[in-house]
Amino acid sequence: MNKKTIGTLAALSMTVAVPTFAMASDDVITIGALYPTSGPCQLIGENALLGTHILVDEINAAGGLNGKQVEVVHRDSKCDPAEATAMARELVTRENADFLVGGVSSSVGQAISEVARQQETIYVAAIPKSTQMTSAENFHKYVFRAAANTNTEGKSGAVIAERLGAEKICTILMDYSYGHSLNEAFSAHIAKIAPDAEIVAQEWPKNGTTDYTAHITNVMASGCDTVFSGVWAGLFPAFAKQAAPFGFFNQVNYITAGEVGSPETAEQMGEDMPEGIWANSYELFYFPDTPAHNDFVKIVQDKAQGDNTPSWPVVGYVAAQWVTSAIAKAGSADTDAVIASLEGLSIDTPIGEQSMRASDHQANRGQFWGQMKQSEDASYPYRMMKPVEYIPADDLMD
């Protein structure tokens, strides 16, 4: 267990509710948090949960919410849809959770959303992106999304590709809902903004793939100058180690979704993070340089107790912020009142103002994008985005 993990768990241990089955209390507002704290998404889940606790601790220290204390009850979703379904149902029916937040993968987000629909409980998706979750056939009034959706992410990738002058493009996208939704958005937008560009090959690694060799060699044989990828942060280290010996990253412009540019991934990979690839992240401790963001980074740094500041707390913080801000606006934790309050709500997050669209309950959450280059800061000897830009969602999320 590394120093950062120890610090994170120590911070959480002060505030995580004991997983016994509680009686409902009129004096407490209970947020059920579904983040993976074991398994392949553990790093993301632990830090997102930390962000939720940071917000709730702030609210309770200031006297609570509408005169009530706020409680976080956590369950480990293990990044598994079946486990997430069982835990979401348990939070609502046995822990009397008033609201649900969390989720990492799109499949888990859809699973929690279905429980929310059945239990008539508001769910704010912190990280899941697939547009399928809020498509016409799956949308219901209890589901909201704080995360960027795959339209925003895929189209942002197309914006980068167009700027780089891509002419022949390959895609490597995971063969499940996240990858297919990314493909739809990227393909449609690149055709719109760079009509002369051509997608010449598409590779679809299966979920659970550990050997990417065939996909790598197929792309290299396709003659493309640019690759758009959805091999996300948890999978990318293995992919990069297999691709680098082929000279893969020297042959193409590599543009990747899935938060490969997050500081945690850069730190984890060290020298294995390819120089010069284009990547994204929800949060960067080094950008933007604003008072609100700098204050948030300082709090996270203190709570995480690690050598560097993780990026994922912001998603847990903002997801819970939507819930608590809506309760405050409604003056009530009544479900229908909070739904009405959420629709069209704007909040000030650590990275700026965001709004929740009433029509499909999608926040206008963009992401930070940039080219990964070796840091010149001796205290942070990893790849950083340079330059960095925030690509807003407003014109891309449909």
Protein backbone atom coordinates (compact mmCIF):
# COMPACT_ATOMS: atom_id res chain seq x y z
CA MET A 1 0.00 0.00 0.00
CA ASN A 2 1.56 3.29 -1.01
CA LYS A 3 1.74 6.47 1.00
CA LYS A 4 -1.07 8.11 -0.92
CA THR A 5 -3.44 5.20 -0.42
CA ILE A 6 -2.68 5.12 3.28
CA GLY A 7 -3.37 8.83 3.52
CA THR A 8 -6.61 8.58 1.61
CA LEU A 9 -7.91 5.71 3.68
CA ALA A 10 -6.89 7.50 6.86
CA ALA A 11 -8.87 10.53 5.80
CA LEU A 12 -11.89 8.44 4.89
CA SER A 13 -11.78 6.46 8.09
CA MET A 14 -12.70 9.56 10.02
CA THR A 15 -15.95 10.04 8.18
CA VAL A 16 -17.17 6.87 6.44
CA ALA A 17 -20.34 5.59 8.04
CA VAL A 18 -20.12 2.14 9.52
CA PRO A 19 -21.91 -0.24 7.15
CA THR A 20 -24.60 -1.33 9.54
CA PHE A 21 -28.19 -0.87 8.58
CA ALA A 22 -29.47 2.41 9.94
CA MET A 23 -32.87 3.68 10.91
CA ALA A 24 -34.14 6.73 9.06
CA SER A 25 -33.70 10.01 10.90
CA ASP A 26 -35.50 13.24 10.19
CA ASP A 27 -32.40 15.10 11.41
CA VAL A 28 -30.03 13.61 8.84
CA ILE A 29 -29.84 13.77 5.06
CA THR A 30 -28.20 10.58 3.82
CA ILE A 31 -26.20 10.42 0.61
CA GLY A 32 -25.47 6.91 -0.58
CA ALA A 33 -22.08 6.89 -2.31
CA LEU A 34 -21.25 4.10 -4.77
CA TYR A 35 -17.56 4.18 -5.57
CA PRO A 36 -15.20 1.25 -6.12
CA THR A 37 -12.71 0.99 -3.27
CA SER A 38 -11.42 -2.37 -4.41
CA GLY A 39 -10.63 -3.90 -7.77
CA PRO A 40 -9.36 -2.27 -10.96
CA CYS A 41 -11.03 1.11 -10.37
CA GLN A 42 -9.94 1.42 -6.73
CA LEU A 43 -7.67 4.43 -7.23
CA ILE A 44 -10.44 6.39 -8.96
CA GLY A 45 -13.12 5.37 -6.49
CA GLU A 46 -11.14 6.10 -3.33
CA ASN A 47 -10.30 9.59 -4.48
CA ALA A 48 -13.81 10.36 -5.74
CA LEU A 49 -15.19 9.25 -2.37
CA LEU A 50 -12.68 11.52 -0.67
CA GLY A 51 -14.11 14.44 -2.64
CA THR A 52 -17.64 13.64 -1.47
CA HIS A 53 -16.46 13.58 2.13
CA ILE A 54 -14.62 16.87 1.74
CA LEU A 55 -17.85 18.58 0.62
CA VAL A 56 -20.01 17.00 3.32
CA ASP A 57 -17.48 17.85 6.02
CA GLU A 58 -17.54 21.48 4.83
CA ILE A 59 -21.34 21.57 4.96
CA ASN A 60 -21.60 19.99 8.40
CA ALA A 61 -18.88 22.24 9.81
CA ALA A 62 -20.91 25.23 8.61
CA GLY A 63 -24.01 24.04 10.45
CA GLY A 64 -25.48 21.51 8.07
CA LEU A 65 -28.04 21.74 5.31
CA ASN A 66 -31.44 23.24 6.04
CA GLY A 67 -30.73 22.62 9.71
CA LYS A 68 -29.79 18.97 9.19
CA GLN A 69 -26.49 17.17 9.22
CA VAL A 70 -25.48 15.35 6.06
CA GLU A 71 -24.24 11.77 6.24
CA VAL A 72 -22.35 9.79 3.63
CA VAL A 73 -22.90 6.04 3.57
CA HIS A 74 -20.54 4.27 1.21
CA ARG A 75 -20.75 0.96 -0.56
CA ASP A 76 -18.00 -0.57 -2.70
CA SER A 77 -19.38 -0.98 -6.23
CA LYS A 78 -16.19 -2.81 -7.27
CA CYS A 79 -16.59 -1.38 -10.78
CA ASP A 80 -19.03 -4.21 -11.41
CA PRO A 81 -22.61 -3.60 -12.62
CA ALA A 82 -24.11 -6.52 -10.68
CA GLU A 83 -22.40 -5.48 -7.46
CA ALA A 84 -23.39 -1.86 -8.03
CA THR A 85 -27.02 -2.89 -8.50
CA ALA A 86 -27.05 -4.84 -5.25
CA MET A 87 -25.27 -2.11 -3.30
CA ALA A 88 -27.45 0.69 -4.69
CA ARG A 89 -30.58 -1.22 -3.71
CA GLU A 90 -29.15 -1.88 -0.26
CA LEU A 91 -28.32 1.79 0.26
CA VAL A 92 -31.87 2.84 -0.53
CA THR A 93 -33.88 0.06 1.11
CA ARG A 94 -31.75 -0.75 4.16
CA GLU A 95 -29.63 2.35 4.76
CA ASN A 96 -32.46 4.75 3.89
CA ALA A 97 -30.27 6.76 1.55
CA ASP A 98 -32.14 9.84 0.35
CA PHE A 99 -29.89 10.26 -2.69
CA LEU A 100 -27.34 8.26 -4.65
CA VAL A 101 -24.08 9.53 -6.15
CA GLY A 102 -21.12 7.82 -7.76
CA GLY A 103 -20.31 5.26 -10.41
CA VAL A 104 -17.16 5.04 -12.51
CA SER A 105 -17.78 2.96 -15.63
CA SER A 106 -20.71 3.52 -17.99
CA SER A 107 -22.07 0.02 -17.35
CA VAL A 108 -22.09 0.65 -13.61
CA GLY A 109 -23.74 4.02 -14.15
CA GLN A 110 -26.53 2.41 -16.14
CA ALA A 111 -26.98 -0.23 -13.43
CA ILE A 112 -27.30 2.38 -10.66
CA SER A 113 -29.61 4.44 -12.84
CA GLU A 114 -31.99 1.51 -13.18
CA VAL A 115 -32.12 1.08 -9.40
CA ALA A 116 -32.76 4.80 -9.05
CA ARG A 117 -35.68 4.51 -11.45
CA GLN A 118 -37.16 1.54 -9.63
CA GLN A 119 -36.68 3.06 -6.18
CA GLU A 120 -37.69 6.59 -7.27
CA THR A 121 -34.46 7.97 -5.81
CA ILE A 122 -32.33 10.72 -7.34
CA TYR A 123 -28.98 9.50 -8.70
CA VAL A 124 -26.21 11.87 -9.78
CA ALA A 125 -23.64 10.08 -11.95
CA ALA A 126 -20.20 11.38 -11.03
CA ILE A 127 -18.05 9.76 -13.74
CA PRO A 128 -20.05 7.51 -16.16
CA LYS A 129 -20.17 9.14 -19.59
CA SER A 130 -22.08 6.98 -22.06
CA THR A 131 -24.90 8.88 -23.71
CA GLN A 132 -26.88 5.65 -23.61
CA MET A 133 -27.51 6.30 -19.93
CA THR A 134 -29.57 9.38 -20.70
CA SER A 135 -30.79 8.44 -24.19
CA ALA A 136 -34.52 8.62 -24.87
CA GLU A 137 -35.07 4.93 -24.16
CA ASN A 138 -33.15 4.98 -20.86
CA PHE A 139 -33.77 8.46 -19.50
CA HIS A 140 -35.96 8.91 -16.43
CA LYS A 141 -36.57 11.83 -14.12
CA TYR A 142 -34.39 10.51 -11.28
CA VAL A 143 -31.08 10.34 -13.17
CA PHE A 144 -28.71 13.31 -13.49
CA ARG A 145 -25.14 13.42 -14.76
CA ALA A 146 -22.36 15.61 -13.35
CA ALA A 147 -19.78 14.04 -15.67
CA ALA A 148 -18.96 15.00 -19.22
CA ASN A 149 -20.81 12.75 -21.64
CA THR A 150 -19.29 10.82 -24.52
CA ASN A 151 -20.53 13.39 -27.01
CA THR A 152 -18.43 16.05 -25.33
CA GLU A 153 -15.41 13.78 -24.99
CA GLY A 154 -15.54 12.29 -28.49
CA LYS A 155 -16.14 15.63 -30.17
CA SER A 156 -13.32 17.23 -28.14
CA GLY A 157 -11.04 14.53 -29.52
CA ALA A 158 -12.19 15.45 -33.02
CA VAL A 159 -11.42 19.10 -32.35
CA ILE A 160 -7.85 18.16 -31.43
CA ALA A 161 -7.54 15.91 -34.51
CA GLU A 162 -8.71 18.69 -36.81
CA ARG A 163 -6.20 21.12 -35.32
CA LEU A 164 -3.40 18.60 -35.90
CA GLY A 165 -4.37 18.35 -39.55
CA ALA A 166 -5.37 14.68 -39.40
CA GLU A 167 -5.92 13.17 -42.82
CA LYS A 168 -5.97 9.41 -42.21
CA ILE A 169 -7.37 8.40 -38.86
CA CYS A 170 -7.48 5.11 -36.97
CA THR A 171 -9.55 4.54 -33.86
CA ILE A 172 -8.92 2.14 -30.98
CA LEU A 173 -12.03 2.08 -28.83
CA MET A 174 -13.14 -0.42 -26.21
CA ASP A 175 -15.88 -2.75 -27.41
CA TYR A 176 -18.65 -1.75 -25.01
CA SER A 177 -21.04 1.15 -24.58
CA TYR A 178 -18.39 3.72 -23.68
CA GLY A 179 -16.28 2.97 -26.76
CA HIS A 180 -19.21 2.81 -29.15
CA SER A 181 -20.66 6.08 -27.85
CA LEU A 182 -17.25 7.74 -28.23
CA ASN A 183 -17.04 6.47 -31.79
CA GLU A 184 -20.42 7.89 -32.73
CA ALA A 185 -19.49 11.32 -31.42
CA PHE A 186 -15.96 11.41 -32.80
CA SER A 187 -16.87 10.09 -36.26
CA ALA A 188 -19.78 12.48 -36.71
CA HIS A 189 -17.85 15.53 -35.55
CA ILE A 190 -14.65 14.89 -37.50
CA ALA A 191 -16.79 14.46 -40.64
CA LYS A 192 -18.35 17.83 -39.90
CA ILE A 193 -15.27 19.88 -39.07
CA ALA A 194 -12.67 18.09 -41.25
CA PRO A 195 -14.58 16.59 -44.19
CA ASP A 196 -11.40 15.61 -46.01
CA ALA A 197 -10.20 13.46 -43.13
CA GLU A 198 -10.83 9.74 -43.51
CA ILE A 199 -11.20 7.03 -40.88
CA VAL A 200 -9.20 4.23 -42.45
CA ALA A 201 -9.26 1.57 -39.72
CA GLN A 202 -11.06 0.83 -36.48
CA GLU A 203 -9.93 -1.52 -33.73
CA TRP A 204 -12.24 -2.74 -30.97
CA PRO A 205 -10.43 -4.41 -28.04
CA LYS A 206 -12.82 -6.47 -25.94
CA ASN A 207 -13.49 -5.50 -22.34
CA GLY A 208 -10.95 -7.40 -20.26
CA THR A 209 -8.35 -7.52 -23.00
CA THR A 210 -4.78 -7.67 -21.74
CA ASP A 211 -2.96 -8.28 -25.04
CA TYR A 212 -3.28 -5.34 -27.47
CA THR A 213 -0.57 -6.51 -29.87
CA ALA A 214 -2.86 -7.36 -32.79
CA HIS A 215 -4.68 -4.04 -32.50
CA ILE A 216 -1.37 -2.14 -32.36
CA THR A 217 0.09 -3.83 -35.42
CA ASN A 218 -3.15 -3.49 -37.37
CA VAL A 219 -3.15 0.27 -36.77
CA MET A 220 0.51 0.60 -37.73
CA ALA A 221 -0.15 -1.25 -40.97
CA SER A 222 -3.09 1.00 -41.83
CA GLY A 223 -1.07 4.06 -42.76
CA CYS A 224 -2.96 6.42 -40.50
CA ASP A 225 -1.32 9.60 -39.26
CA THR A 226 -3.62 10.07 -36.26
CA VAL A 227 -5.19 7.70 -33.73
CA PHE A 228 -8.20 8.49 -31.57
CA SER A 229 -8.32 6.14 -28.60
CA GLY A 230 -10.66 5.23 -25.78
CA VAL A 231 -8.21 2.95 -24.00
CA TRP A 232 -8.88 4.69 -20.71
CA ALA A 233 -6.56 5.46 -17.83
CA GLY A 234 -6.88 2.16 -15.98
CA LEU A 235 -6.02 0.22 -19.15
CA PHE A 236 -3.59 2.59 -20.81
CA PRO A 237 -0.40 1.65 -18.90
CA ALA A 238 -0.55 -1.92 -20.24
CA PHE A 239 -1.41 -0.70 -23.74
CA ALA A 240 1.45 1.82 -23.75
CA LYS A 241 4.01 -0.72 -22.61
CA GLN A 242 3.01 -3.01 -25.47
CA ALA A 243 2.85 -0.24 -28.10
CA ALA A 244 6.06 1.64 -27.29
CA PRO A 245 8.53 -1.04 -28.50
CA PHE A 246 6.92 -0.86 -31.97
CA GLY A 247 7.60 2.88 -32.17
CA PHE A 248 3.83 3.34 -32.17
CA PHE A 249 3.74 6.74 -30.48
CA ASN A 250 6.45 8.11 -32.79
CA GLN A 251 4.50 7.08 -35.90
CA VAL A 252 1.13 8.70 -35.15
CA ASN A 253 -0.49 11.60 -33.39
CA TYR A 254 -2.14 9.81 -30.48
CA ILE A 255 -5.25 11.46 -29.02
CA THR A 256 -6.77 9.64 -26.10
CA ALA A 257 -9.95 10.00 -24.07
CA GLY A 258 -10.49 8.35 -20.71
CA GLU A 259 -8.49 10.65 -18.41
CA VAL A 260 -5.10 9.30 -19.46
CA GLY A 261 -3.77 12.81 -18.74
CA SER A 262 -4.75 12.73 -15.07
CA PRO A 263 -1.87 13.34 -12.65
CA GLU A 264 -2.46 9.94 -11.02
CA THR A 265 -1.89 8.15 -14.33
CA ALA A 266 1.13 10.30 -15.19
CA GLU A 267 2.62 9.57 -11.79
CA GLN A 268 1.81 5.86 -11.99
CA MET A 269 3.43 5.52 -15.42
CA GLY A 270 6.46 7.71 -14.86
CA GLU A 271 8.82 7.38 -17.81
CA ASP A 272 6.38 4.96 -19.48
CA MET A 273 3.95 7.80 -20.17
CA PRO A 274 4.57 8.54 -23.87
CA GLU A 275 5.92 12.02 -24.54
CA GLY A 276 3.76 14.12 -26.83
CA ILE A 277 0.43 12.28 -26.77
CA TRP A 278 -2.77 14.30 -26.39
CA ALA A 279 -4.88 13.38 -23.39
CA ASN A 280 -7.63 14.66 -21.09
CA SER A 281 -8.43 14.90 -17.41
CA TYR A 282 -11.27 16.11 -15.20
CA GLU A 283 -8.90 17.99 -12.94
CA LEU A 284 -5.30 19.16 -12.83
CA PHE A 285 -3.77 20.49 -9.64
CA TYR A 286 -1.70 22.91 -11.74
CA PHE A 287 -4.56 24.45 -13.77
CA PRO A 288 -6.50 26.76 -13.65
CA ASP A 289 -4.68 29.24 -11.46
CA THR A 290 -7.75 30.73 -9.78
CA PRO A 291 -8.39 31.38 -6.07
CA ALA A 292 -11.30 28.91 -5.88
CA HIS A 293 -9.36 26.16 -7.58
CA ASN A 294 -6.20 26.79 -5.60
CA ASP A 295 -8.18 26.65 -2.34
CA PHE A 296 -9.73 23.33 -3.37
CA VAL A 297 -6.35 21.89 -4.36
CA LYS A 298 -4.93 22.85 -0.96
CA ILE A 299 -7.78 21.08 0.86
CA VAL A 300 -7.38 17.95 -1.25
CA GLN A 301 -3.63 17.98 -0.72
CA ASP A 302 -4.11 18.16 3.05
CA LYS A 303 -6.72 15.38 3.11
CA ALA A 304 -5.01 13.04 0.66
CA GLN A 305 -1.73 13.32 2.53
CA GLY A 306 0.19 12.10 -0.49
CA ASP A 307 3.20 13.47 -2.27
CA ASN A 308 1.06 14.91 -5.07
CA THR A 309 -2.51 16.06 -5.46
CA PRO A 310 -4.97 13.56 -6.97
CA SER A 311 -7.46 14.66 -9.63
CA TRP A 312 -10.43 12.42 -8.92
CA PRO A 313 -11.71 14.07 -5.69
CA VAL A 314 -13.25 16.85 -7.76
CA VAL A 315 -15.74 14.51 -9.44
CA GLY A 316 -17.01 13.18 -6.09
CA TYR A 317 -17.10 16.70 -4.71
CA VAL A 318 -19.08 18.15 -7.62
CA ALA A 319 -21.54 15.22 -7.86
CA ALA A 320 -22.48 15.70 -4.21
CA GLN A 321 -22.47 19.46 -4.72
CA TRP A 322 -25.31 19.11 -7.21
CA VAL A 323 -27.39 17.24 -4.62
CA THR A 324 -26.70 19.53 -1.70
CA SER A 325 -27.09 22.73 -3.72
CA ALA A 326 -30.45 21.54 -5.00
CA ILE A 327 -31.61 20.66 -1.48
CA ALA A 328 -30.56 24.09 -0.28
CA LYS A 329 -32.39 25.77 -3.15
CA ALA A 330 -35.52 23.68 -2.62
CA GLY A 331 -35.43 24.14 1.14
CA SER A 332 -36.33 20.48 1.36
CA ALA A 333 -34.96 17.02 0.69
CA ASP A 334 -38.25 15.95 -0.89
CA THR A 335 -37.41 14.06 -4.08
CA ASP A 336 -39.74 15.90 -6.44
CA ALA A 337 -38.75 19.27 -4.99
CA VAL A 338 -35.05 18.48 -5.44
CA ILE A 339 -35.61 17.29 -9.00
CA ALA A 340 -37.33 20.59 -9.81
CA SER A 341 -34.48 22.44 -8.13
CA LEU A 342 -31.80 20.53 -10.05
CA GLU A 343 -33.33 21.24 -13.45
CA GLY A 344 -31.64 24.39 -14.73
CA LEU A 345 -29.54 24.81 -11.59
CA SER A 346 -26.14 26.52 -11.81
CA ILE A 347 -23.42 25.95 -9.22
CA ASP A 348 -19.95 27.33 -8.57
CA THR A 349 -17.56 24.38 -8.66
CA PRO A 350 -13.83 24.48 -7.89
CA ILE A 351 -13.15 24.86 -11.64
CA GLY A 352 -15.91 27.34 -12.47
CA GLU A 353 -19.64 27.64 -12.92
CA GLN A 354 -21.58 24.69 -14.32
CA SER A 355 -25.25 24.27 -15.19
CA MET A 356 -27.58 21.27 -15.20
CA ARG A 357 -29.70 21.11 -18.33
CA ALA A 358 -33.40 20.57 -17.61
CA SER A 359 -34.14 18.69 -20.82
CA ASP A 360 -31.90 15.65 -20.24
CA HIS A 361 -30.36 16.27 -16.80
CA GLN A 362 -26.87 16.64 -18.32
CA ALA A 363 -24.37 19.07 -16.78
CA ASN A 364 -22.35 21.21 -19.17
CA ARG A 365 -19.12 19.62 -17.96
CA GLY A 366 -16.14 19.94 -20.25
CA GLN A 367 -12.64 18.58 -19.67
CA PHE A 368 -9.03 19.67 -19.66
CA TRP A 369 -7.01 18.61 -22.71
CA GLY A 370 -3.35 18.98 -23.51
CA GLN A 371 -0.16 17.42 -24.81
CA MET A 372 1.77 15.34 -22.30
CA LYS A 373 5.29 16.66 -21.86
CA GLN A 374 8.00 16.15 -19.27
CA SER A 375 7.56 18.46 -16.31
CA GLU A 376 10.21 21.10 -15.75
CA ASP A 377 9.32 21.15 -12.04
CA ALA A 378 11.83 19.08 -10.07
CA SER A 379 9.23 18.46 -7.35
CA TYR A 380 6.91 16.81 -9.87
CA PRO A 381 9.09 14.72 -12.22
CA TYR A 382 6.28 13.35 -14.38
CA ARG A 383 4.51 14.22 -17.61
CA MET A 384 2.16 17.20 -17.43
CA MET A 385 -0.19 18.77 -19.96
CA LYS A 386 1.52 21.62 -21.73
CA PRO A 387 -0.24 23.65 -22.94
CA VAL A 388 -3.54 23.03 -21.16
CA GLU A 389 -6.97 24.13 -22.25
CA TYR A 390 -10.48 23.55 -20.98
CA ILE A 391 -12.72 22.51 -23.87
CA PRO A 392 -16.25 23.49 -22.79
CA ALA A 393 -19.21 21.21 -23.37
CA ASP A 394 -21.89 23.69 -24.35
CA ASP A 395 -21.50 23.27 -28.13
CA LEU A 396 -20.43 19.62 -28.04
CA MET A 397 -22.65 17.67 -25.64
CA ASP A 398 -25.48 16.93 -28.12
